[in-house]
Amino acid sequence: MTAGPGPMVVQVAQHVADLDRATAFYTETLGLPLIARFGPLVFVDLGGTRLLLDESAPPALLYLRLDGLDRQIAHLRQAGVEIVAEPHDIFTDDDAVFGGQWKVESQAFIRDSEGNLLGLVGHRG
């Protein structure tokens, strides 16, 4: 390791079977900004981390923090997205283990256009 602030996540790869369909899901359905497309590789902005959509990548289990988790699930349901698990509280952070900016973490799970499981995370006060 080199001196400096330490390692940080720069890029995460996600397996896709149909690049165009997956690009539409991540950019239109989830609303992530498209960074670039280079032939069979698509890069979208995942809050400052590159998400690489790639047919040769293995599946990854991503957890995405969203504001208004219940509202987002309703929107995704209307868009025809498979909801695997409804939002449910999983952790109460009374001791500020994760920074003290929120008290309760809720999670829901959906399937993306390629069948990959995605965790959606919401925080509330």
Protein backbone atom coordinates (compact mmCIF):
# COMPACT_ATOMS: atom_id res chain seq x y z
CA MET A 1 0.00 0.00 0.00
CA THR A 2 1.11 3.54 -0.63
CA ALA A 3 0.97 6.47 1.74
CA GLY A 4 -2.14 8.58 1.55
CA PRO A 5 -5.78 8.33 2.50
CA GLY A 6 -5.86 4.56 1.95
CA PRO A 7 -7.78 2.33 -0.44
CA MET A 8 -11.18 3.33 -1.68
CA VAL A 9 -13.68 1.70 -4.00
CA VAL A 10 -13.21 3.08 -7.50
CA GLN A 11 -15.21 0.62 -9.58
CA VAL A 12 -17.60 -2.28 -9.14
CA ALA A 13 -18.45 -4.65 -12.00
CA GLN A 14 -21.88 -6.21 -12.47
CA HIS A 15 -22.72 -9.09 -14.80
CA VAL A 16 -25.26 -8.41 -17.51
CA ALA A 17 -26.71 -10.69 -20.17
CA ASP A 18 -28.12 -7.89 -22.35
CA LEU A 19 -26.05 -4.69 -22.24
CA ASP A 20 -28.70 -2.42 -23.76
CA ARG A 21 -31.44 -3.69 -21.44
CA ALA A 22 -29.17 -3.39 -18.39
CA THR A 23 -28.06 0.11 -19.41
CA ALA A 24 -31.69 1.19 -19.64
CA PHE A 25 -32.46 -0.36 -16.24
CA TYR A 26 -29.60 1.32 -14.40
CA THR A 27 -29.85 4.70 -16.15
CA GLU A 28 -33.60 5.06 -16.77
CA THR A 29 -35.28 2.89 -14.12
CA LEU A 30 -32.80 3.59 -11.30
CA GLY A 31 -31.79 7.01 -12.60
CA LEU A 32 -28.01 6.59 -12.41
CA PRO A 33 -26.01 8.91 -14.69
CA LEU A 34 -24.33 7.33 -17.71
CA ILE A 35 -20.58 8.02 -17.74
CA ALA A 36 -19.53 6.32 -20.98
CA ARG A 37 -19.95 3.35 -23.26
CA PHE A 38 -16.92 1.75 -24.86
CA GLY A 39 -18.04 -1.11 -27.08
CA PRO A 40 -19.21 -3.95 -24.81
CA LEU A 41 -18.57 -1.95 -21.59
CA VAL A 42 -20.94 0.55 -20.00
CA PHE A 43 -20.00 2.76 -17.06
CA VAL A 44 -22.58 4.48 -14.86
CA ASP A 45 -22.00 6.76 -11.87
CA LEU A 46 -22.85 5.09 -8.60
CA GLY A 47 -22.41 8.10 -6.28
CA GLY A 48 -18.81 8.70 -7.31
CA THR A 49 -17.94 5.05 -7.88
CA ARG A 50 -17.99 3.63 -11.41
CA LEU A 51 -20.42 0.78 -11.95
CA LEU A 52 -19.20 -1.29 -14.90
CA LEU A 53 -21.91 -3.24 -16.71
CA ASP A 54 -20.12 -6.10 -18.43
CA GLU A 55 -21.22 -9.41 -19.96
CA SER A 56 -18.02 -11.12 -18.77
CA ALA A 57 -18.17 -9.90 -15.16
CA PRO A 58 -19.42 -12.13 -12.34
CA PRO A 59 -22.63 -11.14 -10.53
CA ALA A 60 -22.18 -8.78 -7.59
CA LEU A 61 -24.55 -8.08 -4.71
CA LEU A 62 -24.80 -4.30 -4.58
CA TYR A 63 -26.50 -2.32 -1.84
CA LEU A 64 -27.68 1.12 -2.97
CA ARG A 65 -28.73 3.82 -0.49
CA LEU A 66 -31.85 5.63 -1.64
CA ASP A 67 -33.78 8.52 -0.18
CA GLY A 68 -37.44 7.68 0.41
CA LEU A 69 -37.10 3.90 0.25
CA ASP A 70 -40.85 3.20 0.44
CA ARG A 71 -41.55 5.75 -2.30
CA GLN A 72 -38.76 4.30 -4.46
CA ILE A 73 -40.12 0.76 -4.05
CA ALA A 74 -43.58 1.97 -5.13
CA HIS A 75 -42.00 3.59 -8.22
CA LEU A 76 -40.04 0.43 -9.06
CA ARG A 77 -43.12 -1.74 -8.60
CA GLN A 78 -45.04 0.50 -11.05
CA ALA A 79 -42.13 0.12 -13.49
CA GLY A 80 -42.56 -3.67 -13.35
CA VAL A 81 -39.42 -4.38 -11.30
CA GLU A 82 -39.53 -7.62 -9.28
CA ILE A 83 -39.62 -6.82 -5.55
CA VAL A 84 -37.99 -9.75 -3.75
CA ALA A 85 -38.33 -8.35 -0.20
CA GLU A 86 -40.33 -5.34 0.93
CA PRO A 87 -38.64 -2.62 3.01
CA HIS A 88 -38.03 -3.82 6.54
CA ASP A 89 -36.01 -2.47 9.45
CA ILE A 90 -32.78 -4.39 9.98
CA PHE A 91 -30.74 -2.28 12.37
CA THR A 92 -31.19 0.40 14.99
CA ASP A 93 -27.99 2.37 15.53
CA ASP A 94 -28.50 3.75 19.04
CA ASP A 95 -24.73 3.80 19.64
CA ALA A 96 -23.84 5.74 16.45
CA VAL A 97 -21.70 2.83 15.22
CA PHE A 98 -22.17 4.04 11.64
CA GLY A 99 -21.69 7.75 12.25
CA GLY A 100 -24.80 8.92 14.08
CA GLN A 101 -26.49 10.61 11.11
CA TRP A 102 -29.44 8.22 11.28
CA LYS A 103 -31.00 5.81 13.77
CA VAL A 104 -32.76 3.10 11.73
CA GLU A 105 -31.62 1.29 8.60
CA SER A 106 -34.22 -0.41 6.41
CA GLN A 107 -33.52 -2.67 3.45
CA ALA A 108 -35.48 -4.02 0.52
CA PHE A 109 -34.36 -6.31 -2.27
CA ILE A 110 -35.19 -6.23 -5.98
CA ARG A 111 -34.06 -7.99 -9.18
CA ASP A 112 -32.45 -5.91 -11.88
CA SER A 113 -33.21 -6.44 -15.57
CA GLU A 114 -30.58 -9.21 -15.68
CA GLY A 115 -31.84 -11.16 -12.67
CA ASN A 116 -29.16 -9.86 -10.29
CA LEU A 117 -30.26 -9.26 -6.70
CA LEU A 118 -29.92 -5.63 -5.55
CA GLY A 119 -30.21 -4.45 -1.97
CA LEU A 120 -31.82 -1.06 -1.46
CA VAL A 121 -31.05 0.75 1.80
CA GLY A 122 -32.92 3.59 3.45
CA HIS A 123 -32.10 5.54 6.61
CA ARG A 124 -34.35 7.51 8.90
CA GLY A 125 -33.86 9.63 11.98
